[in-house]
Amino acid sequence: MTVADSLKQYWSTRSRKEQVVLGVAAMALLAALLYLVLLEPGLAARRQLGSALPRLRAQVEDMQQQQKEIALLRKKLGTVSKSADLKALLQSSVARTSFVNALERLDAVAGDKAAMLASPVVFDDWLAWVENLQRELGIRLDACRISALDLPGMVRIEATFITGQSAARKTP
């Protein structure tokens, strides 16, 4: 005898009043189960998102304000880079690096170009410095020759730098 047959037999042995009570109880149980499984998680997520929305809107407003400040700083940086001597900017920046003592030569090639020779330099420090130059000062690496030295991670650098404005004019 299967479960379905057992339930049919149980149901048929109940009086009409018991069948109505059992039917109503089953419907109430089904409604409660549907509420707990489907509706409650959705309502909880809605409450959570509703409470997070003002904070997210404030973050968006803050990011938009920061974006405006970044644009102003970039404009200001562009004017500073135009007016400042490239060689002086590079010397000042190299002075704050770990390879300050490795700098052998730094010459102004033209008004908007400078050549540098340094050895021995930790390659990772060099990469980080070049990235920082581009990001903060708008100075770009124009040409570079990197030669490995006998010590692991150490290199000899011959590089030419240009200001960001020169690089913008150079690219078509």
N, C-alpha and C. Protein backbone atom coordinates (compact mmCIF):
# COMPACT_ATOMS: atom_id res chain seq x y z
N MET A 1 0.84 -1.17 0.00
CA MET A 1 0.00 0.00 0.00
C MET A 1 0.90 1.25 0.00
N THR A 2 0.58 2.19 -0.90
CA THR A 2 1.39 3.39 -1.04
C THR A 2 0.90 4.47 -0.09
N VAL A 3 1.70 5.51 0.00
CA VAL A 3 1.37 6.65 0.87
C VAL A 3 0.09 7.32 0.38
N ALA A 4 -0.04 7.47 -0.94
CA ALA A 4 -1.24 8.09 -1.50
C ALA A 4 -2.48 7.29 -1.15
N ASP A 5 -2.40 5.95 -1.22
CA ASP A 5 -3.54 5.09 -0.87
C ASP A 5 -3.87 5.23 0.61
N SER A 6 -2.85 5.32 1.44
CA SER A 6 -3.06 5.49 2.88
C SER A 6 -3.76 6.80 3.17
N LEU A 7 -3.34 7.88 2.47
CA LEU A 7 -3.97 9.19 2.69
C LEU A 7 -5.42 9.18 2.21
N LYS A 8 -5.69 8.54 1.08
CA LYS A 8 -7.07 8.44 0.58
C LYS A 8 -7.94 7.68 1.56
N GLN A 9 -7.42 6.62 2.11
CA GLN A 9 -8.19 5.83 3.06
C GLN A 9 -8.45 6.64 4.33
N TYR A 10 -7.42 7.36 4.80
CA TYR A 10 -7.57 8.19 5.99
C TYR A 10 -8.61 9.27 5.74
N TRP A 11 -8.54 9.90 4.57
CA TRP A 11 -9.47 10.99 4.22
C TRP A 11 -10.91 10.46 4.13
N SER A 12 -11.10 9.31 3.54
CA SER A 12 -12.46 8.78 3.35
C SER A 12 -13.08 8.33 4.67
N THR A 13 -12.29 8.01 5.66
CA THR A 13 -12.82 7.59 6.96
C THR A 13 -13.18 8.78 7.84
N ARG A 14 -12.83 9.99 7.44
CA ARG A 14 -13.15 11.19 8.22
C ARG A 14 -14.55 11.69 7.86
N SER A 15 -15.18 12.31 8.86
CA SER A 15 -16.50 12.89 8.61
C SER A 15 -16.35 14.17 7.80
N ARG A 16 -17.47 14.66 7.29
CA ARG A 16 -17.45 15.87 6.47
C ARG A 16 -16.90 17.06 7.27
N LYS A 17 -17.26 17.17 8.52
CA LYS A 17 -16.80 18.27 9.37
C LYS A 17 -15.28 18.18 9.59
N GLU A 18 -14.76 16.97 9.81
CA GLU A 18 -13.32 16.78 10.00
C GLU A 18 -12.56 17.10 8.70
N GLN A 19 -13.14 16.72 7.58
CA GLN A 19 -12.50 17.01 6.29
C GLN A 19 -12.38 18.53 6.07
N VAL A 20 -13.43 19.27 6.44
CA VAL A 20 -13.40 20.74 6.29
C VAL A 20 -12.33 21.32 7.21
N VAL A 21 -12.28 20.86 8.47
CA VAL A 21 -11.29 21.37 9.42
C VAL A 21 -9.87 21.04 8.93
N LEU A 22 -9.65 19.80 8.48
CA LEU A 22 -8.34 19.41 7.98
C LEU A 22 -7.97 20.20 6.72
N GLY A 23 -8.92 20.44 5.85
CA GLY A 23 -8.69 21.22 4.63
C GLY A 23 -8.29 22.66 4.96
N VAL A 24 -9.02 23.27 5.90
CA VAL A 24 -8.71 24.65 6.30
C VAL A 24 -7.32 24.70 6.95
N ALA A 25 -7.00 23.71 7.80
CA ALA A 25 -5.69 23.67 8.45
C ALA A 25 -4.58 23.49 7.41
N ALA A 26 -4.82 22.63 6.42
CA ALA A 26 -3.82 22.43 5.36
C ALA A 26 -3.61 23.71 4.56
N MET A 27 -4.70 24.42 4.26
CA MET A 27 -4.59 25.69 3.52
C MET A 27 -3.82 26.73 4.34
N ALA A 28 -4.09 26.80 5.64
CA ALA A 28 -3.39 27.75 6.51
C ALA A 28 -1.90 27.40 6.59
N LEU A 29 -1.63 26.10 6.70
CA LEU A 29 -0.24 25.65 6.75
C LEU A 29 0.48 25.96 5.43
N LEU A 30 -0.21 25.73 4.31
CA LEU A 30 0.37 26.04 3.00
C LEU A 30 0.62 27.54 2.84
N ALA A 31 -0.34 28.36 3.29
CA ALA A 31 -0.18 29.82 3.21
C ALA A 31 1.00 30.28 4.07
N ALA A 32 1.14 29.73 5.28
CA ALA A 32 2.25 30.10 6.16
C ALA A 32 3.58 29.67 5.55
N LEU A 33 3.60 28.50 4.96
CA LEU A 33 4.81 28.00 4.34
C LEU A 33 5.21 28.86 3.14
N LEU A 34 4.25 29.22 2.31
CA LEU A 34 4.54 30.10 1.17
C LEU A 34 5.04 31.46 1.64
N TYR A 35 4.45 31.98 2.70
CA TYR A 35 4.89 33.27 3.24
C TYR A 35 6.34 33.18 3.71
N LEU A 36 6.65 32.14 4.47
CA LEU A 36 8.00 32.00 5.02
C LEU A 36 9.04 31.71 3.95
N VAL A 37 8.67 30.96 2.92
CA VAL A 37 9.64 30.57 1.91
C VAL A 37 9.80 31.62 0.82
N LEU A 38 8.70 32.22 0.40
CA LEU A 38 8.75 33.14 -0.74
C LEU A 38 8.67 34.61 -0.36
N LEU A 39 7.70 34.97 0.43
CA LEU A 39 7.43 36.38 0.66
C LEU A 39 8.35 37.03 1.69
N GLU A 40 8.59 36.37 2.80
CA GLU A 40 9.40 36.96 3.88
C GLU A 40 10.82 37.29 3.44
N PRO A 41 11.54 36.41 2.74
CA PRO A 41 12.89 36.79 2.31
C PRO A 41 12.89 38.01 1.39
N GLY A 42 11.91 38.11 0.52
CA GLY A 42 11.83 39.27 -0.37
C GLY A 42 11.57 40.55 0.41
N LEU A 43 10.67 40.48 1.39
CA LEU A 43 10.38 41.66 2.21
C LEU A 43 11.59 42.06 3.06
N ALA A 44 12.31 41.08 3.57
CA ALA A 44 13.52 41.38 4.36
C ALA A 44 14.58 42.05 3.49
N ALA A 45 14.76 41.54 2.28
CA ALA A 45 15.73 42.15 1.36
C ALA A 45 15.31 43.57 1.00
N ARG A 46 14.02 43.78 0.83
CA ARG A 46 13.52 45.13 0.51
C ARG A 46 13.79 46.10 1.65
N ARG A 47 13.56 45.64 2.89
CA ARG A 47 13.84 46.51 4.05
C ARG A 47 15.32 46.83 4.13
N GLN A 48 16.16 45.82 3.89
CA GLN A 48 17.61 46.02 3.96
C GLN A 48 18.07 47.00 2.88
N LEU A 49 17.58 46.82 1.66
CA LEU A 49 17.96 47.74 0.58
C LEU A 49 17.42 49.14 0.83
N GLY A 50 16.22 49.21 1.39
CA GLY A 50 15.64 50.52 1.70
C GLY A 50 16.47 51.28 2.73
N SER A 51 17.03 50.57 3.69
CA SER A 51 17.86 51.25 4.69
C SER A 51 19.24 51.58 4.14
N ALA A 52 19.72 50.81 3.16
CA ALA A 52 21.05 51.07 2.59
C ALA A 52 21.00 52.16 1.51
N LEU A 53 19.85 52.40 0.93
CA LEU A 53 19.76 53.34 -0.18
C LEU A 53 20.22 54.76 0.17
N PRO A 54 19.82 55.36 1.28
CA PRO A 54 20.32 56.71 1.60
C PRO A 54 21.84 56.76 1.72
N ARG A 55 22.43 55.72 2.31
CA ARG A 55 23.88 55.68 2.45
C ARG A 55 24.55 55.57 1.08
N LEU A 56 23.99 54.76 0.20
CA LEU A 56 24.55 54.61 -1.15
C LEU A 56 24.41 55.91 -1.95
N ARG A 57 23.29 56.59 -1.78
CA ARG A 57 23.11 57.87 -2.47
C ARG A 57 24.13 58.90 -1.99
N ALA A 58 24.39 58.89 -0.68
CA ALA A 58 25.39 59.82 -0.12
C ALA A 58 26.78 59.48 -0.67
N GLN A 59 27.08 58.20 -0.83
CA GLN A 59 28.37 57.80 -1.38
C GLN A 59 28.50 58.25 -2.84
N VAL A 60 27.43 58.14 -3.61
CA VAL A 60 27.46 58.58 -5.01
C VAL A 60 27.69 60.09 -5.07
N GLU A 61 27.01 60.82 -4.21
CA GLU A 61 27.19 62.28 -4.17
C GLU A 61 28.62 62.64 -3.80
N ASP A 62 29.18 61.91 -2.83
CA ASP A 62 30.57 62.14 -2.42
C ASP A 62 31.53 61.83 -3.57
N MET A 63 31.29 60.73 -4.29
CA MET A 63 32.15 60.38 -5.42
C MET A 63 32.07 61.42 -6.53
N GLN A 64 30.88 61.96 -6.77
CA GLN A 64 30.74 63.00 -7.79
C GLN A 64 31.51 64.25 -7.39
N GLN A 65 31.46 64.59 -6.11
CA GLN A 65 32.22 65.75 -5.63
C GLN A 65 33.72 65.50 -5.76
N GLN A 66 34.15 64.29 -5.43
CA GLN A 66 35.57 63.95 -5.56
C GLN A 66 36.00 63.98 -7.02
N GLN A 67 35.12 63.56 -7.91
CA GLN A 67 35.43 63.59 -9.35
C GLN A 67 35.65 65.04 -9.80
N LYS A 68 34.82 65.95 -9.32
CA LYS A 68 35.00 67.36 -9.66
C LYS A 68 36.33 67.89 -9.13
N GLU A 69 36.67 67.49 -7.89
CA GLU A 69 37.93 67.93 -7.30
C GLU A 69 39.13 67.38 -8.08
N ILE A 70 39.02 66.14 -8.52
CA ILE A 70 40.10 65.53 -9.31
C ILE A 70 40.29 66.28 -10.61
N ALA A 71 39.18 66.63 -11.26
CA ALA A 71 39.28 67.38 -12.51
C ALA A 71 39.96 68.73 -12.28
N LEU A 72 39.59 69.41 -11.20
CA LEU A 72 40.22 70.70 -10.88
C LEU A 72 41.71 70.52 -10.58
N LEU A 73 42.05 69.47 -9.83
CA LEU A 73 43.45 69.23 -9.51
C LEU A 73 44.26 68.88 -10.76
N ARG A 74 43.65 68.14 -11.67
CA ARG A 74 44.36 67.81 -12.91
C ARG A 74 44.61 69.05 -13.74
N LYS A 75 43.63 69.95 -13.78
CA LYS A 75 43.83 71.21 -14.51
C LYS A 75 44.95 72.00 -13.85
N LYS A 76 44.91 72.05 -12.53
CA LYS A 76 45.94 72.77 -11.79
C LYS A 76 47.31 72.13 -12.00
N LEU A 77 47.35 70.80 -11.98
CA LEU A 77 48.60 70.08 -12.20
C LEU A 77 49.15 70.37 -13.59
N GLY A 78 48.28 70.45 -14.57
CA GLY A 78 48.72 70.76 -15.93
C GLY A 78 49.39 72.11 -16.00
N THR A 79 48.85 73.09 -15.32
CA THR A 79 49.46 74.42 -15.35
C THR A 79 50.76 74.43 -14.54
N VAL A 80 50.80 73.65 -13.45
CA VAL A 80 52.03 73.58 -12.66
C VAL A 80 53.14 72.92 -13.49
N SER A 81 52.80 71.83 -14.19
CA SER A 81 53.81 71.13 -14.98
C SER A 81 54.31 72.00 -16.12
N LYS A 82 53.44 72.82 -16.70
CA LYS A 82 53.88 73.70 -17.79
C LYS A 82 54.89 74.72 -17.28
N SER A 83 54.59 75.26 -16.11
CA SER A 83 55.42 76.35 -15.63
C SER A 83 56.69 75.84 -14.93
N ALA A 84 56.67 74.62 -14.42
CA ALA A 84 57.83 74.12 -13.68
C ALA A 84 58.85 73.51 -14.64
N ASP A 85 60.08 73.58 -14.27
CA ASP A 85 61.16 73.01 -15.05
C ASP A 85 61.13 71.49 -14.87
N LEU A 86 61.13 70.76 -15.97
CA LEU A 86 61.04 69.30 -15.94
C LEU A 86 62.20 68.69 -15.15
N LYS A 87 63.38 69.19 -15.37
CA LYS A 87 64.55 68.66 -14.66
C LYS A 87 64.39 68.85 -13.16
N ALA A 88 63.93 70.01 -12.75
CA ALA A 88 63.75 70.27 -11.32
C ALA A 88 62.68 69.35 -10.72
N LEU A 89 61.60 69.12 -11.47
CA LEU A 89 60.55 68.21 -11.00
C LEU A 89 61.10 66.79 -10.83
N LEU A 90 61.89 66.35 -11.80
CA LEU A 90 62.46 65.00 -11.72
C LEU A 90 63.45 64.90 -10.56
N GLN A 91 64.30 65.92 -10.38
CA GLN A 91 65.26 65.89 -9.28
C GLN A 91 64.53 65.83 -7.94
N SER A 92 63.50 66.61 -7.81
CA SER A 92 62.73 66.63 -6.57
C SER A 92 62.08 65.27 -6.32
N SER A 93 61.57 64.66 -7.37
CA SER A 93 60.91 63.37 -7.23
C SER A 93 61.92 62.26 -6.93
N VAL A 94 63.06 62.26 -7.60
CA VAL A 94 64.09 61.24 -7.36
C VAL A 94 64.61 61.35 -5.93
N ALA A 95 64.66 62.55 -5.39
CA ALA A 95 65.17 62.75 -4.03
C ALA A 95 64.34 62.00 -2.99
N ARG A 96 63.09 61.67 -3.33
CA ARG A 96 62.22 60.96 -2.39
C ARG A 96 62.18 59.45 -2.67
N THR A 97 63.07 58.94 -3.52
CA THR A 97 63.06 57.52 -3.86
C THR A 97 64.19 56.77 -3.16
N SER A 98 64.13 55.45 -3.25
CA SER A 98 65.18 54.62 -2.66
C SER A 98 66.45 54.63 -3.51
N PHE A 99 66.34 55.05 -4.78
CA PHE A 99 67.51 55.03 -5.67
C PHE A 99 68.09 56.43 -5.90
N VAL A 100 67.91 57.32 -4.94
CA VAL A 100 68.44 58.67 -5.05
C VAL A 100 69.96 58.66 -5.23
N ASN A 101 70.64 57.75 -4.54
CA ASN A 101 72.10 57.69 -4.64
C ASN A 101 72.56 57.00 -5.91
N ALA A 102 71.68 56.32 -6.61
CA ALA A 102 72.04 55.62 -7.84
C ALA A 102 71.97 56.54 -9.06
N LEU A 103 71.42 57.73 -8.90
CA LEU A 103 71.31 58.67 -10.02
C LEU A 103 72.70 59.14 -10.44
N GLU A 104 73.06 58.85 -11.68
CA GLU A 104 74.36 59.26 -12.19
C GLU A 104 74.28 60.57 -12.95
N ARG A 105 73.19 60.76 -13.67
CA ARG A 105 73.07 61.96 -14.50
C ARG A 105 71.60 62.28 -14.73
N LEU A 106 71.30 63.57 -14.72
CA LEU A 106 69.96 64.05 -15.06
C LEU A 106 70.14 65.37 -15.80
N ASP A 107 69.84 65.36 -17.10
CA ASP A 107 70.08 66.53 -17.94
C ASP A 107 68.79 66.97 -18.62
N ALA A 108 68.63 68.27 -18.76
CA ALA A 108 67.53 68.82 -19.56
C ALA A 108 67.95 68.76 -21.02
N VAL A 109 67.21 68.01 -21.82
CA VAL A 109 67.53 67.87 -23.25
C VAL A 109 66.89 69.03 -24.01
N ALA A 110 65.69 69.35 -23.70
CA ALA A 110 64.97 70.47 -24.29
C ALA A 110 64.06 71.01 -23.20
N GLY A 111 63.26 72.02 -23.53
CA GLY A 111 62.37 72.60 -22.54
C GLY A 111 61.38 71.61 -21.96
N ASP A 112 60.99 70.66 -22.77
CA ASP A 112 59.99 69.70 -22.31
C ASP A 112 60.50 68.26 -22.29
N LYS A 113 61.84 68.08 -22.31
CA LYS A 113 62.45 66.76 -22.27
C LYS A 113 63.61 66.76 -21.29
N ALA A 114 63.83 65.58 -20.68
CA ALA A 114 64.96 65.41 -19.78
C ALA A 114 65.45 63.98 -19.90
N ALA A 115 66.78 63.79 -19.80
CA ALA A 115 67.39 62.47 -19.89
C ALA A 115 67.97 62.10 -18.54
N MET A 116 67.91 60.81 -18.23
CA MET A 116 68.35 60.34 -16.92
C MET A 116 69.16 59.06 -17.09
N LEU A 117 70.17 58.91 -16.24
CA LEU A 117 70.97 57.69 -16.19
C LEU A 117 71.12 57.33 -14.72
N ALA A 118 70.77 56.07 -14.38
CA ALA A 118 70.87 55.63 -12.99
C ALA A 118 71.29 54.16 -12.95
N SER A 119 72.15 53.83 -11.96
CA SER A 119 72.59 52.46 -11.80
C SER A 119 73.27 52.32 -10.45
N PRO A 120 73.08 51.29 -9.73
CA PRO A 120 72.10 50.22 -9.81
C PRO A 120 70.77 50.67 -9.19
N VAL A 121 69.69 50.21 -9.78
CA VAL A 121 68.34 50.57 -9.34
C VAL A 121 67.53 49.28 -9.18
N VAL A 122 66.75 49.19 -8.10
CA VAL A 122 65.83 48.06 -7.92
C VAL A 122 64.70 48.25 -8.94
N PHE A 123 64.50 47.25 -9.79
CA PHE A 123 63.56 47.37 -10.89
C PHE A 123 62.14 47.69 -10.42
N ASP A 124 61.67 47.05 -9.36
CA ASP A 124 60.31 47.31 -8.86
C ASP A 124 60.16 48.75 -8.37
N ASP A 125 61.21 49.29 -7.72
CA ASP A 125 61.17 50.68 -7.27
C ASP A 125 61.10 51.63 -8.47
N TRP A 126 61.83 51.30 -9.51
CA TRP A 126 61.82 52.10 -10.74
C TRP A 126 60.41 52.16 -11.33
N LEU A 127 59.77 51.00 -11.46
CA LEU A 127 58.42 50.94 -12.03
C LEU A 127 57.43 51.76 -11.20
N ALA A 128 57.52 51.61 -9.89
CA ALA A 128 56.61 52.36 -9.01
C ALA A 128 56.85 53.87 -9.16
N TRP A 129 58.09 54.27 -9.27
CA TRP A 129 58.40 55.70 -9.40
C TRP A 129 57.87 56.26 -10.72
N VAL A 130 58.06 55.52 -11.82
CA VAL A 130 57.58 55.99 -13.12
C VAL A 130 56.05 56.11 -13.11
N GLU A 131 55.38 55.14 -12.48
CA GLU A 131 53.92 55.22 -12.38
C GLU A 131 53.51 56.46 -11.58
N ASN A 132 54.21 56.71 -10.49
CA ASN A 132 53.92 57.87 -9.65
C ASN A 132 54.15 59.17 -10.42
N LEU A 133 55.21 59.25 -11.21
CA LEU A 133 55.48 60.44 -12.02
C LEU A 133 54.31 60.74 -12.95
N GLN A 134 53.83 59.70 -13.60
CA GLN A 134 52.73 59.89 -14.56
C GLN A 134 51.45 60.29 -13.84
N ARG A 135 51.14 59.59 -12.76
CA ARG A 135 49.88 59.82 -12.05
C ARG A 135 49.86 61.19 -11.37
N GLU A 136 50.92 61.54 -10.66
CA GLU A 136 50.90 62.74 -9.84
C GLU A 136 51.41 63.99 -10.54
N LEU A 137 52.39 63.84 -11.41
CA LEU A 137 52.99 65.03 -12.02
C LEU A 137 52.69 65.16 -13.51
N GLY A 138 52.11 64.15 -14.11
CA GLY A 138 51.82 64.21 -15.54
C GLY A 138 53.07 64.09 -16.40
N ILE A 139 54.16 63.58 -15.82
CA ILE A 139 55.40 63.38 -16.56
C ILE A 139 55.39 61.97 -17.12
N ARG A 140 55.70 61.85 -18.40
CA ARG A 140 55.62 60.54 -19.06
C ARG A 140 57.00 60.08 -19.50
N LEU A 141 57.15 58.77 -19.51
CA LEU A 141 58.37 58.14 -19.99
C LEU A 141 58.31 58.13 -21.51
N ASP A 142 59.28 58.78 -22.15
CA ASP A 142 59.29 58.88 -23.62
C ASP A 142 60.06 57.71 -24.23
N ALA A 143 61.24 57.42 -23.69
CA ALA A 143 62.06 56.32 -24.18
C ALA A 143 62.84 55.78 -22.99
N CYS A 144 63.16 54.48 -23.06
CA CYS A 144 63.86 53.88 -21.93
C CYS A 144 64.64 52.66 -22.38
N ARG A 145 65.86 52.52 -21.83
CA ARG A 145 66.64 51.31 -22.03
C ARG A 145 66.97 50.79 -20.64
N ILE A 146 66.59 49.53 -20.40
CA ILE A 146 66.83 48.91 -19.10
C ILE A 146 67.78 47.74 -19.32
N SER A 147 68.89 47.76 -18.60
CA SER A 147 69.90 46.69 -18.71
C SER A 147 69.99 45.98 -17.37
N ALA A 148 69.90 44.66 -17.41
CA ALA A 148 70.01 43.87 -16.19
C ALA A 148 71.44 43.88 -15.68
N LEU A 149 71.60 43.94 -14.38
CA LEU A 149 72.91 43.85 -13.74
C LEU A 149 73.10 42.45 -13.16
N ASP A 150 74.27 42.18 -12.64
CA ASP A 150 74.56 40.85 -12.10
C ASP A 150 73.71 40.52 -10.87
N LEU A 151 73.39 41.52 -10.08
CA LEU A 151 72.57 41.31 -8.89
C LEU A 151 71.11 41.12 -9.30
N PRO A 152 70.42 40.11 -8.76
CA PRO A 152 69.02 39.88 -9.12
C PRO A 152 68.14 41.09 -8.75
N GLY A 153 67.31 41.50 -9.68
CA GLY A 153 66.39 42.61 -9.45
C GLY A 153 67.00 43.98 -9.65
N MET A 154 68.30 44.05 -9.90
CA MET A 154 68.97 45.34 -10.07
C MET A 154 69.18 45.61 -11.56
N VAL A 155 68.96 46.88 -11.96
CA VAL A 155 69.07 47.24 -13.37
C VAL A 155 69.79 48.58 -13.53
N ARG A 156 70.20 48.84 -14.77
CA ARG A 156 70.77 50.13 -15.17
C ARG A 156 69.72 50.78 -16.06
N ILE A 157 69.40 52.04 -15.79
CA ILE A 157 68.32 52.73 -16.48
C ILE A 157 68.88 53.91 -17.28
N GLU A 158 68.50 53.96 -18.55
CA GLU A 158 68.73 55.14 -19.39
C GLU A 158 67.35 55.53 -19.89
N ALA A 159 66.87 56.71 -19.48
CA ALA A 159 65.49 57.08 -19.80
C ALA A 159 65.38 58.53 -20.22
N THR A 160 64.36 58.79 -21.04
CA THR A 160 64.02 60.15 -21.45
C THR A 160 62.57 60.40 -21.05
N PHE A 161 62.35 61.54 -20.41
CA PHE A 161 61.02 61.89 -19.94
C PHE A 161 60.52 63.13 -20.68
N ILE A 162 59.20 63.22 -20.81
CA ILE A 162 58.56 64.41 -21.38
C ILE A 162 57.40 64.80 -20.50
N THR A 163 57.02 66.06 -20.58
CA THR A 163 55.86 66.50 -19.81
C THR A 163 54.59 65.95 -20.45
N GLY A 164 53.51 65.90 -19.68
CA GLY A 164 52.24 65.38 -20.17
C GLY A 164 51.73 66.16 -21.36
N GLN A 165 51.96 67.47 -21.41
CA GLN A 165 51.49 68.28 -22.52
C GLN A 165 52.24 67.91 -23.80
N SER A 166 53.54 67.65 -23.68
CA SER A 166 54.32 67.25 -24.86
C SER A 166 53.85 65.91 -25.38
N ALA A 167 53.53 65.00 -24.45
CA ALA A 167 53.06 63.68 -24.85
C ALA A 167 51.71 63.78 -25.55
N ALA A 168 50.86 64.70 -25.10
CA ALA A 168 49.55 64.87 -25.74
C ALA A 168 49.71 65.41 -27.14
N ARG A 169 50.67 66.32 -27.35
CA ARG A 169 50.90 66.85 -28.70
C ARG A 169 51.53 65.81 -29.60
N LYS A 170 52.32 64.91 -29.01
CA LYS A 170 53.06 63.93 -29.78
C LYS A 170 52.14 62.86 -30.36
N THR A 171 51.09 62.48 -29.59
CA THR A 171 50.18 61.42 -30.07
C THR A 171 49.17 62.03 -31.03
N PRO A 172 48.89 61.31 -32.13
CA PRO A 172 47.95 61.84 -33.13
C PRO A 172 46.52 61.77 -32.65
